[in-house]
N, C-alpha and C. Protein backbone atom coordinates (compact mmCIF):
# COMPACT_ATOMS: atom_id res chain seq x y z
N MET A 1 92.09 110.20 93.94
CA MET A 1 92.15 110.46 95.43
C MET A 1 92.98 109.37 95.83
N LYS A 2 93.66 109.32 97.18
CA LYS A 2 93.77 108.33 98.38
C LYS A 2 93.35 108.38 99.49
N TYR A 3 93.32 107.20 100.00
CA TYR A 3 92.18 107.14 101.04
C TYR A 3 93.16 106.18 102.18
N PRO A 4 93.20 106.55 103.86
CA PRO A 4 93.99 105.27 104.22
C PRO A 4 93.32 104.04 104.19
N ARG A 5 94.42 102.91 103.98
CA ARG A 5 93.77 101.49 104.07
C ARG A 5 92.97 101.19 105.46
N GLN A 6 92.08 100.82 104.67
CA GLN A 6 90.92 99.94 105.62
C GLN A 6 90.86 98.85 106.51
N ASN A 7 89.93 98.47 106.87
CA ASN A 7 89.74 97.06 107.80
C ASN A 7 89.08 96.35 106.48
N ALA A 8 88.90 95.18 107.39
CA ALA A 8 88.22 93.96 106.46
C ALA A 8 86.99 94.52 106.35
N GLU A 9 86.39 95.02 107.51
CA GLU A 9 84.75 95.19 107.26
C GLU A 9 84.70 96.39 105.86
N LYS A 10 85.27 97.32 106.37
CA LYS A 10 84.96 98.44 105.11
C LYS A 10 85.47 98.31 104.01
N ASN A 11 86.28 96.90 103.91
CA ASN A 11 87.27 97.00 102.79
C ASN A 11 85.51 96.02 101.74
N LYS A 12 85.11 95.38 103.02
CA LYS A 12 83.64 94.80 101.91
C LYS A 12 82.63 95.52 101.47
N LEU A 13 82.69 96.24 102.38
CA LEU A 13 81.37 97.08 102.31
C LEU A 13 82.02 98.31 101.01
N PHE A 14 83.37 98.31 100.96
CA PHE A 14 83.71 99.44 99.39
C PHE A 14 83.34 98.66 98.74
N ILE A 15 83.81 97.13 98.12
CA ILE A 15 83.20 96.40 97.29
C ILE A 15 81.89 96.61 96.73
N LEU A 16 81.00 96.12 97.54
CA LEU A 16 79.86 96.16 97.65
C LEU A 16 79.31 97.64 97.09
N PHE A 17 79.36 98.50 97.41
CA PHE A 17 79.29 100.04 97.29
C PHE A 17 79.16 99.73 96.01
N THR A 18 80.34 99.83 95.61
CA THR A 18 80.98 100.33 93.78
C THR A 18 80.66 98.95 92.90
N MET A 19 80.39 97.77 93.40
CA MET A 19 79.63 96.94 92.67
C MET A 19 78.34 97.59 92.76
N GLN A 20 77.13 97.94 93.46
CA GLN A 20 76.01 98.43 93.47
C GLN A 20 75.82 99.35 92.19
N ALA A 21 77.09 100.46 93.08
CA ALA A 21 77.42 101.72 91.86
C ALA A 21 77.45 101.69 90.37
N LEU A 22 78.08 100.67 90.07
CA LEU A 22 78.23 100.23 88.90
C LEU A 22 77.44 100.00 87.91
N SER A 23 76.47 99.02 88.63
CA SER A 23 75.40 97.83 88.45
C SER A 23 75.65 97.87 87.21
N LEU A 24 77.04 96.81 86.78
CA LEU A 24 77.21 95.91 86.06
C LEU A 24 78.76 94.62 86.48
N PRO A 25 78.31 93.66 85.75
CA PRO A 25 79.70 92.72 86.57
C PRO A 25 80.94 92.85 85.97
N LEU A 26 81.67 92.71 87.49
CA LEU A 26 83.08 93.45 86.95
C LEU A 26 84.50 92.20 87.33
N THR A 27 85.52 92.57 86.16
CA THR A 27 86.19 91.13 86.63
C THR A 27 87.10 91.79 87.62
N PHE A 28 88.22 90.56 87.85
CA PHE A 28 89.18 91.14 89.12
C PHE A 28 89.93 92.33 88.55
N SER A 29 90.72 92.16 87.63
CA SER A 29 91.31 93.44 87.01
C SER A 29 90.53 94.33 86.98
N GLN A 30 89.19 94.89 86.57
CA GLN A 30 88.49 95.75 86.92
C GLN A 30 88.26 96.59 88.69
N LEU A 31 88.36 95.55 89.40
CA LEU A 31 87.67 95.97 90.53
C LEU A 31 88.91 96.38 91.44
N GLU A 32 90.57 95.87 90.84
CA GLU A 32 91.65 95.76 91.39
C GLU A 32 92.03 97.79 90.71
N GLN A 33 92.11 97.91 89.81
CA GLN A 33 92.07 99.12 88.89
C GLN A 33 91.27 99.90 89.63
N ILE A 34 90.16 99.91 90.37
CA ILE A 34 89.53 100.87 91.17
C ILE A 34 89.64 100.66 92.74
N ALA A 35 90.11 99.84 93.10
CA ALA A 35 90.73 99.46 94.47
C ALA A 35 91.99 99.93 95.09
N VAL A 36 92.39 99.28 93.94
CA VAL A 36 94.55 99.23 94.36
C VAL A 36 94.71 100.51 93.95
N GLY A 37 94.06 101.16 92.55
CA GLY A 37 94.64 102.33 91.92
C GLY A 37 94.25 103.23 92.74
N ALA A 38 93.23 103.20 93.39
CA ALA A 38 92.94 104.47 94.20
C ALA A 38 93.53 104.19 95.92
N ASP A 39 94.50 103.49 95.79
CA ASP A 39 94.92 102.78 97.16
C ASP A 39 94.32 102.90 98.37
N LEU A 40 93.53 102.29 97.93
CA LEU A 40 92.06 101.80 99.14
C LEU A 40 92.86 100.57 99.57
N MET A 41 92.88 99.40 99.01
CA MET A 41 93.53 98.26 99.41
C MET A 41 94.69 97.85 98.66
N ASP A 42 95.58 96.60 99.04
CA ASP A 42 96.34 96.34 98.43
C ASP A 42 95.78 95.20 97.50
N TYR A 43 96.60 94.13 96.63
CA TYR A 43 96.34 93.33 95.53
C TYR A 43 95.84 91.97 96.65
N PHE A 44 96.44 91.75 97.97
CA PHE A 44 96.05 90.87 98.50
C PHE A 44 95.01 90.65 99.26
N SER A 45 94.92 91.99 100.25
CA SER A 45 93.78 92.70 100.42
C SER A 45 92.15 92.71 100.11
N LEU A 46 92.29 93.03 98.39
CA LEU A 46 91.38 92.94 97.61
C LEU A 46 91.21 91.12 97.02
N LYS A 47 92.26 90.15 97.10
CA LYS A 47 91.83 88.71 97.01
C LYS A 47 90.65 88.41 97.94
N GLN A 48 91.53 88.56 99.18
CA GLN A 48 90.98 88.13 100.42
C GLN A 48 89.75 88.33 100.58
N THR A 49 88.78 90.07 100.77
CA THR A 49 87.80 90.59 100.63
C THR A 49 87.08 89.97 99.21
N LEU A 50 87.21 90.06 98.36
CA LEU A 50 86.21 89.17 97.14
C LEU A 50 85.98 87.54 97.75
N ALA A 51 87.51 87.15 98.11
CA ALA A 51 86.85 85.52 98.55
C ALA A 51 85.68 85.44 99.68
N GLY A 52 85.74 86.37 100.48
CA GLY A 52 85.29 86.59 101.92
C GLY A 52 84.15 86.69 101.57
N LEU A 53 83.50 87.72 100.65
CA LEU A 53 82.06 88.19 99.76
C LEU A 53 81.42 87.42 99.20
N GLU A 54 82.40 86.45 98.51
CA GLU A 54 81.78 85.22 97.67
C GLU A 54 81.48 84.12 98.78
N GLU A 55 82.26 83.95 99.48
CA GLU A 55 81.83 82.62 101.24
C GLU A 55 80.46 82.77 101.48
N SER A 56 80.62 84.24 101.60
CA SER A 56 79.32 84.66 102.73
C SER A 56 78.35 84.82 101.70
N GLY A 57 78.18 84.49 99.82
CA GLY A 57 77.10 84.56 99.57
C GLY A 57 76.41 86.05 98.80
N LEU A 58 77.19 87.55 99.56
CA LEU A 58 77.30 88.62 99.01
C LEU A 58 77.43 88.55 97.57
N ILE A 59 78.21 87.96 97.02
CA ILE A 59 78.59 88.07 95.67
C ILE A 59 78.75 86.79 94.64
N GLN A 60 78.81 86.68 93.89
CA GLN A 60 79.02 85.36 92.75
C GLN A 60 80.18 85.65 92.03
N ALA A 61 80.64 84.86 91.38
CA ALA A 61 81.73 84.70 90.21
C ALA A 61 81.08 84.59 89.36
N LYS A 62 81.12 84.31 88.41
CA LYS A 62 79.92 84.18 87.43
C LYS A 62 81.45 83.77 85.75
N SER A 63 81.24 83.26 85.43
CA SER A 63 82.14 82.49 84.33
C SER A 63 80.97 82.68 83.12
N SER A 64 81.71 82.97 81.69
CA SER A 64 80.57 83.41 80.71
C SER A 64 82.33 82.96 79.58
N LEU A 65 81.77 83.24 78.22
CA LEU A 65 82.61 82.98 77.36
C LEU A 65 83.68 84.30 76.88
N SER A 66 83.19 85.17 77.29
CA SER A 66 83.76 86.47 77.63
C SER A 66 84.87 86.86 79.02
N GLY A 67 84.54 85.93 79.46
CA GLY A 67 85.54 85.28 81.00
C GLY A 67 84.68 86.08 82.06
N GLY A 68 85.65 85.81 83.45
CA GLY A 68 84.65 85.46 84.61
C GLY A 68 84.42 87.35 85.07
N ALA A 69 83.63 86.80 86.00
CA ALA A 69 83.37 88.08 86.35
C ALA A 69 82.38 88.13 87.61
N TYR A 70 82.24 89.51 88.90
CA TYR A 70 81.98 89.07 89.68
C TYR A 70 80.67 90.07 89.50
N VAL A 71 79.60 89.25 90.31
CA VAL A 71 78.06 89.78 90.27
C VAL A 71 77.41 89.93 91.76
N LEU A 72 77.27 91.12 92.28
CA LEU A 72 76.36 91.63 93.41
C LEU A 72 74.85 90.43 93.48
N THR A 73 74.95 89.78 94.44
CA THR A 73 73.45 89.47 94.90
C THR A 73 73.01 89.33 95.39
N PRO A 74 71.40 89.48 95.45
CA PRO A 74 70.67 89.65 96.36
C PRO A 74 70.92 90.54 97.62
N GLU A 75 71.25 89.47 98.38
CA GLU A 75 72.05 89.07 99.41
C GLU A 75 72.83 90.29 99.85
N GLY A 76 73.40 90.37 98.85
CA GLY A 76 74.78 91.70 98.90
C GLY A 76 74.39 92.79 98.59
N CYS A 77 73.38 92.73 97.39
CA CYS A 77 72.62 94.38 97.71
C CYS A 77 71.84 94.97 99.37
N SER A 78 71.45 94.19 99.63
CA SER A 78 70.74 93.94 100.98
C SER A 78 71.68 94.31 101.65
N MET A 79 72.67 93.91 102.13
CA MET A 79 74.18 94.12 102.82
C MET A 79 74.14 95.89 102.58
N ASN A 80 74.68 96.15 101.44
CA ASN A 80 74.97 97.41 100.62
C ASN A 80 74.50 98.71 101.43
N ALA A 81 72.35 98.19 100.81
CA ALA A 81 71.38 99.23 101.44
C ALA A 81 71.49 99.58 103.20
N GLN A 82 71.86 98.15 104.02
CA GLN A 82 72.08 97.90 105.22
C GLN A 82 73.13 98.97 105.84
N PHE A 83 74.41 98.94 104.96
CA PHE A 83 75.35 99.41 105.74
C PHE A 83 76.18 100.05 105.15
N ALA A 84 75.64 100.86 103.52
CA ALA A 84 76.47 101.46 103.07
C ALA A 84 76.58 102.66 103.99
N GLY A 85 76.05 103.53 105.01
CA GLY A 85 76.35 104.33 105.53
C GLY A 85 77.55 104.06 106.02
N GLU A 86 78.04 103.50 106.79
CA GLU A 86 79.18 103.28 107.42
C GLU A 86 80.34 103.43 106.55
N LEU A 87 80.37 103.70 105.41
CA LEU A 87 81.91 104.23 104.47
C LEU A 87 81.93 105.75 104.62
N PRO A 88 82.56 106.29 105.15
CA PRO A 88 82.81 107.56 104.55
C PRO A 88 82.26 108.22 104.08
N ALA A 89 81.25 109.23 103.85
CA ALA A 89 80.42 110.06 103.10
C ALA A 89 81.20 110.45 101.88
N SER A 90 82.79 110.57 102.05
CA SER A 90 83.77 111.02 101.04
C SER A 90 84.08 109.81 99.85
N MET A 91 84.51 108.69 100.36
CA MET A 91 84.65 107.69 99.68
C MET A 91 83.49 107.46 99.23
N ARG A 92 81.61 107.16 99.53
CA ARG A 92 80.63 107.26 98.86
C ARG A 92 80.76 108.10 98.12
N ASP A 93 80.98 109.52 98.29
CA ASP A 93 80.83 110.21 96.83
C ASP A 93 82.20 109.86 95.68
N TYR A 94 83.19 109.82 95.72
CA TYR A 94 84.50 109.36 95.04
C TYR A 94 83.83 107.87 94.39
N ILE A 95 83.06 106.76 94.67
CA ILE A 95 82.38 105.78 94.21
C ILE A 95 81.58 106.14 93.12
N THR A 96 80.50 107.13 93.96
CA THR A 96 79.73 107.00 93.35
C THR A 96 79.82 108.29 91.70
N ARG A 97 80.94 108.97 91.86
CA ARG A 97 81.76 110.12 90.81
C ARG A 97 82.43 109.00 90.07
N TYR A 98 83.33 108.34 90.23
CA TYR A 98 83.64 107.03 89.61
C TYR A 98 82.62 105.94 88.38
N ALA A 99 82.41 105.95 89.34
CA ALA A 99 80.88 105.36 88.51
C ALA A 99 80.05 105.74 87.44
N GLY A 100 79.98 107.10 87.69
CA GLY A 100 79.41 108.02 86.68
C GLY A 100 80.40 108.63 85.63
N GLU A 101 81.47 108.49 85.60
CA GLU A 101 82.55 108.27 85.08
C GLU A 101 83.11 107.55 84.20
N ASN A 102 83.13 106.32 84.46
CA ASN A 102 83.87 105.03 83.92
C ASN A 102 83.00 104.21 84.07
N ARG A 103 81.30 104.22 84.08
CA ARG A 103 80.46 102.91 83.74
C ARG A 103 80.31 102.12 82.45
N GLU A 104 80.33 103.00 81.44
CA GLU A 104 80.74 103.08 80.20
C GLU A 104 81.47 101.76 79.39
N ARG A 105 82.80 102.64 79.63
CA ARG A 105 84.37 102.02 79.67
C ARG A 105 84.34 101.00 80.30
N LEU A 106 83.82 100.70 81.44
CA LEU A 106 84.04 99.42 82.05
C LEU A 106 82.92 98.17 81.33
N ALA A 107 81.70 98.77 81.31
CA ALA A 107 81.08 97.93 79.98
C ALA A 107 81.42 97.50 78.74
N ARG A 108 82.26 98.36 78.44
CA ARG A 108 82.86 98.29 77.16
C ARG A 108 83.69 97.53 77.22
N GLU A 109 84.76 97.31 78.25
CA GLU A 109 85.90 96.31 78.26
C GLU A 109 85.36 94.99 78.63
N ARG A 110 84.47 94.80 78.92
CA ARG A 110 83.34 93.26 78.88
C ARG A 110 82.80 93.00 77.61
N ILE A 111 82.48 94.11 76.84
CA ILE A 111 82.39 93.32 75.39
C ILE A 111 83.35 93.04 74.32
N TYR A 112 84.61 93.97 74.54
CA TYR A 112 85.81 94.26 74.11
C TYR A 112 86.76 93.72 74.28
N HIS A 113 87.42 92.53 74.67
CA HIS A 113 88.49 92.05 75.70
C HIS A 113 89.45 91.50 74.36
N ALA A 114 90.89 91.63 75.31
CA ALA A 114 92.20 91.54 74.65
C ALA A 114 93.53 91.13 75.51
N ASP A 115 93.83 90.25 75.50
CA ASP A 115 95.16 90.20 76.09
C ASP A 115 96.09 89.33 75.45
N PHE A 116 97.47 89.16 75.95
CA PHE A 116 98.41 88.31 75.01
C PHE A 116 98.98 87.45 75.71
N SER A 117 99.70 86.94 75.48
CA SER A 117 100.66 85.93 76.45
C SER A 117 102.04 85.39 75.19
N LYS A 118 103.05 85.09 75.89
CA LYS A 118 104.19 84.69 75.66
C LYS A 118 103.74 83.42 74.97
N ILE A 119 104.81 83.27 73.64
CA ILE A 119 104.44 81.73 73.30
C ILE A 119 105.91 81.40 72.41
N ALA A 120 106.10 80.24 72.04
CA ALA A 120 107.10 79.80 71.77
C ALA A 120 108.22 80.66 70.37
N ASN A 121 109.99 80.54 70.75
CA ASN A 121 110.09 81.60 69.63
C ASN A 121 110.17 82.48 70.28
N GLY A 122 109.61 83.47 71.36
CA GLY A 122 110.04 84.55 71.72
C GLY A 122 108.91 85.31 71.00
N GLN A 123 107.64 84.80 70.54
CA GLN A 123 106.51 85.33 69.64
C GLN A 123 105.67 85.44 71.00
N TYR A 124 104.72 86.78 70.40
CA TYR A 124 103.36 87.10 71.21
C TYR A 124 102.16 86.61 70.85
N MET A 125 101.52 86.05 71.26
CA MET A 125 100.21 85.52 70.79
C MET A 125 99.25 86.48 71.07
N ALA A 126 97.97 87.56 70.64
CA ALA A 126 97.31 88.36 71.17
C ALA A 126 95.64 87.99 70.98
N CYS A 127 95.18 87.75 71.88
CA CYS A 127 94.14 87.26 71.45
C CYS A 127 92.53 88.56 71.60
N CYS A 128 92.01 89.02 70.45
CA CYS A 128 90.96 89.70 70.84
C CYS A 128 89.76 89.33 70.41
N ARG A 129 88.62 89.01 71.86
CA ARG A 129 87.60 88.81 71.34
C ARG A 129 86.78 90.20 71.53
N ALA A 130 85.63 89.79 70.49
CA ALA A 130 84.03 90.85 70.47
C ALA A 130 82.72 89.88 71.24
N THR A 131 81.98 90.21 72.31
CA THR A 131 81.13 89.43 72.84
C THR A 131 79.65 90.44 73.15
N GLU A 132 78.75 89.81 73.10
CA GLU A 132 77.09 90.31 73.29
C GLU A 132 76.46 89.05 73.61
N ASN A 133 75.88 89.63 74.77
CA ASN A 133 74.68 89.07 75.47
C ASN A 133 75.94 87.39 75.48
N GLY A 134 76.74 87.86 75.81
CA GLY A 134 77.46 86.37 76.16
C GLY A 134 78.06 84.79 75.18
N LEU A 135 77.63 85.81 73.73
CA LEU A 135 77.83 85.11 72.80
C LEU A 135 79.20 85.77 72.25
N HIS A 136 80.47 84.72 71.57
CA HIS A 136 81.45 85.39 70.76
C HIS A 136 80.86 85.84 68.96
N LEU A 137 81.09 87.00 69.32
CA LEU A 137 80.63 87.69 67.62
C LEU A 137 82.26 87.54 66.96
N ILE A 138 83.26 87.51 67.76
CA ILE A 138 84.65 87.09 66.59
C ILE A 138 85.48 87.04 67.59
N GLU A 139 86.70 86.52 68.06
CA GLU A 139 87.51 86.16 68.25
C GLU A 139 88.94 86.10 66.80
N LEU A 140 89.66 86.63 67.42
CA LEU A 140 90.92 86.89 66.47
C LEU A 140 92.86 86.59 67.17
N ASN A 141 92.60 85.43 66.91
CA ASN A 141 94.44 85.15 67.71
C ASN A 141 95.49 85.62 66.49
N ILE A 142 96.44 87.10 66.88
CA ILE A 142 96.93 87.31 65.95
C ILE A 142 98.59 86.99 65.90
N ASN A 143 99.25 86.35 66.05
CA ASN A 143 100.64 85.63 65.86
C ASN A 143 101.32 87.37 65.75
N LEU A 144 102.23 87.81 67.11
CA LEU A 144 102.94 89.18 67.12
C LEU A 144 104.49 88.98 67.06
N PRO A 145 105.70 89.41 66.56
CA PRO A 145 107.23 89.07 67.01
C PRO A 145 107.45 89.97 68.29
N THR A 146 106.82 91.52 68.71
CA THR A 146 107.10 91.69 70.12
C THR A 146 106.21 92.05 71.31
N ARG A 147 106.37 92.29 72.31
CA ARG A 147 105.54 92.22 73.14
C ARG A 147 104.76 93.92 73.45
N GLU A 148 105.67 94.74 73.05
CA GLU A 148 105.62 95.93 72.79
C GLU A 148 104.15 96.31 71.70
N LEU A 149 104.40 95.22 70.34
CA LEU A 149 103.05 95.05 69.52
C LEU A 149 102.10 94.30 69.83
N ALA A 150 102.44 93.42 70.99
CA ALA A 150 101.34 92.44 71.25
C ALA A 150 100.48 93.57 71.82
N GLN A 151 100.92 94.62 72.97
CA GLN A 151 100.07 95.17 73.93
C GLN A 151 99.16 96.36 73.08
N SER A 152 100.35 97.21 72.09
CA SER A 152 99.82 97.83 70.70
C SER A 152 98.12 97.53 70.83
N VAL A 153 98.18 96.19 69.80
CA VAL A 153 97.22 95.05 69.39
C VAL A 153 96.31 95.61 70.51
N CYS A 154 96.23 94.94 71.42
CA CYS A 154 95.04 95.00 72.46
C CYS A 154 94.78 96.20 72.81
N ASP A 155 95.49 97.18 73.22
CA ASP A 155 95.24 98.15 73.65
C ASP A 155 94.40 99.06 72.39
N LYS A 156 94.69 98.69 71.32
CA LYS A 156 93.73 99.58 70.16
C LYS A 156 92.74 98.87 70.21
N TRP A 157 92.25 97.80 70.90
CA TRP A 157 91.18 96.48 69.73
C TRP A 157 89.90 96.80 70.85
N ALA A 158 89.44 97.86 72.02
CA ALA A 158 88.19 97.99 72.11
C ALA A 158 87.33 98.91 71.07
N ALA A 159 88.30 99.91 71.03
CA ALA A 159 88.22 101.01 69.59
C ALA A 159 88.00 101.12 68.24
N SER A 160 88.89 99.72 67.80
CA SER A 160 89.07 99.05 66.89
C SER A 160 87.44 97.97 66.23
N ALA A 161 87.54 97.13 67.60
CA ALA A 161 86.62 96.14 66.79
C ALA A 161 85.56 96.21 66.20
N PRO A 162 84.67 97.05 66.44
CA PRO A 162 83.67 97.40 66.11
C PRO A 162 83.82 97.45 64.00
N GLU A 163 84.93 98.46 63.97
CA GLU A 163 85.04 98.49 62.67
C GLU A 163 85.81 96.70 61.82
N VAL A 164 86.41 96.44 63.34
CA VAL A 164 87.30 95.34 61.99
C VAL A 164 86.17 94.06 61.96
N TYR A 165 85.03 94.21 63.08
CA TYR A 165 84.50 93.24 62.36
C TYR A 165 83.02 93.23 62.02
N GLY A 166 82.78 94.60 61.26
CA GLY A 166 81.87 95.18 60.28
C GLY A 166 82.69 94.93 58.92
N PHE A 167 84.00 95.04 58.66
CA PHE A 167 84.37 94.52 57.79
C PHE A 167 84.41 93.61 57.23
N ILE A 168 84.63 92.62 58.12
CA ILE A 168 84.99 90.85 58.02
C ILE A 168 83.51 90.52 57.46
N MET A 169 82.57 91.01 58.22
CA MET A 169 80.75 90.55 58.01
C MET A 169 81.19 90.72 56.14
N GLU A 170 81.37 92.24 55.95
CA GLU A 170 80.80 93.06 54.57
C GLU A 170 81.23 92.17 53.65
N HIS A 171 82.63 91.41 53.75
CA HIS A 171 83.35 90.91 52.72
C HIS A 171 83.54 89.31 53.10
N MET A 172 83.13 89.09 54.15
CA MET A 172 82.90 86.98 54.58
C MET A 172 82.09 86.70 54.05
N ALA A 173 80.85 87.67 54.66
CA ALA A 173 79.21 87.51 54.91
C ALA A 173 78.55 87.65 53.56
N LYS A 174 79.28 88.49 52.52
CA LYS A 174 78.42 88.49 50.88
C LYS A 174 77.83 87.47 50.38
N GLN A 175 76.70 87.49 49.97
CA GLN A 175 75.59 86.92 48.81
C GLN A 175 76.92 86.75 47.59
N VAL A 176 76.83 85.44 47.09
CA VAL A 176 77.46 85.33 46.10
C VAL A 176 76.93 85.38 44.35
């Protein structure tokens, strides 16, 4: 659903309402997918909005072994409760519906993370991680010959990670 671009204050309320509706830490990429993907704000407005919210103490950037994410502070929750009604009802409904449909997927993305980068000789390195409670369960770095293959490995990681981890634990942690 496309909405007209909002002003800075509406952008802040949108982010606060979204974070409260989802009730989980969100990465920049996840927030970008939600806000820019729905054409609610552009990339630069999102960056500026997050910086303003963080500077105001309404959200906090947290780092962990699984990567960085933004969390809503108690002040942010209070601000959202006070001003959420300023967002159009259709936007609140959209966010609430989005949260219900995507909460599990977004949480899973935080547990199973994969990305890739170009390395020497035109090769690509896919880094696939599984974390639980901030602890690395497994991290695989796979050298691949093409960008397409690296992307494919990363795309399949979340669905394959439990099976890969189980296989490794079964075969590597066996009692002799």
